[in-house]
């Protein structure tokens, strides 16, 4: 069962931390891929200079809507990035899912990426993750609580340490410690 909508109706900071260990799942016909979320970044509302809610007007409809929907956008005209909208309607925020530890459908992921399935970078980094999972711009606005693209609760007890630090790959509000990852996990982006 996917995470319920109430999970996402909290602040982006809380959702980002609590997504660690959860399982991202895509269903594309008969092909199912899944991976444990190992790295996230929180983006707040318009007060966060790095958030699309602050400088990308086209994203605001999703940002100000209810939590639990996918926000997929093209970064630098090359890489797709998957975000989970966080917060209740009218309280914008989102969480970038930066990396997952692949657990199901590795042959399909490897084929999409063009690399061997045992590579730690198979779904490490936002662009690699979306390629491996077959996530496209058509997934923008998808309901993460049901359908072909979902996030499910962890299938294992939370027996890991959460590390936090500044977000990476951005030029605005870089000092905010809104990046979270599972300490010591080899699938965290580098």
Foldseek 3Di string as FASTA:
>chain_A
DFDDLVLQADAQLNSQAQQQQWKKWFDDPPFIWIFGQFKKFKDFALVFVQDCNVPPVVCVVVQQAGWQAWAWDDDPVHAIWTWTWGHHHRGGMIMTRFWTGTDGRLVQLCVQVVHHSVDLQSLGGGRSVCSSNVNDNVRHGPGQRDDRIHIHGHPDPPPFDKDWAFDPDDDGPRHDGGMIGGPPDSNHHD
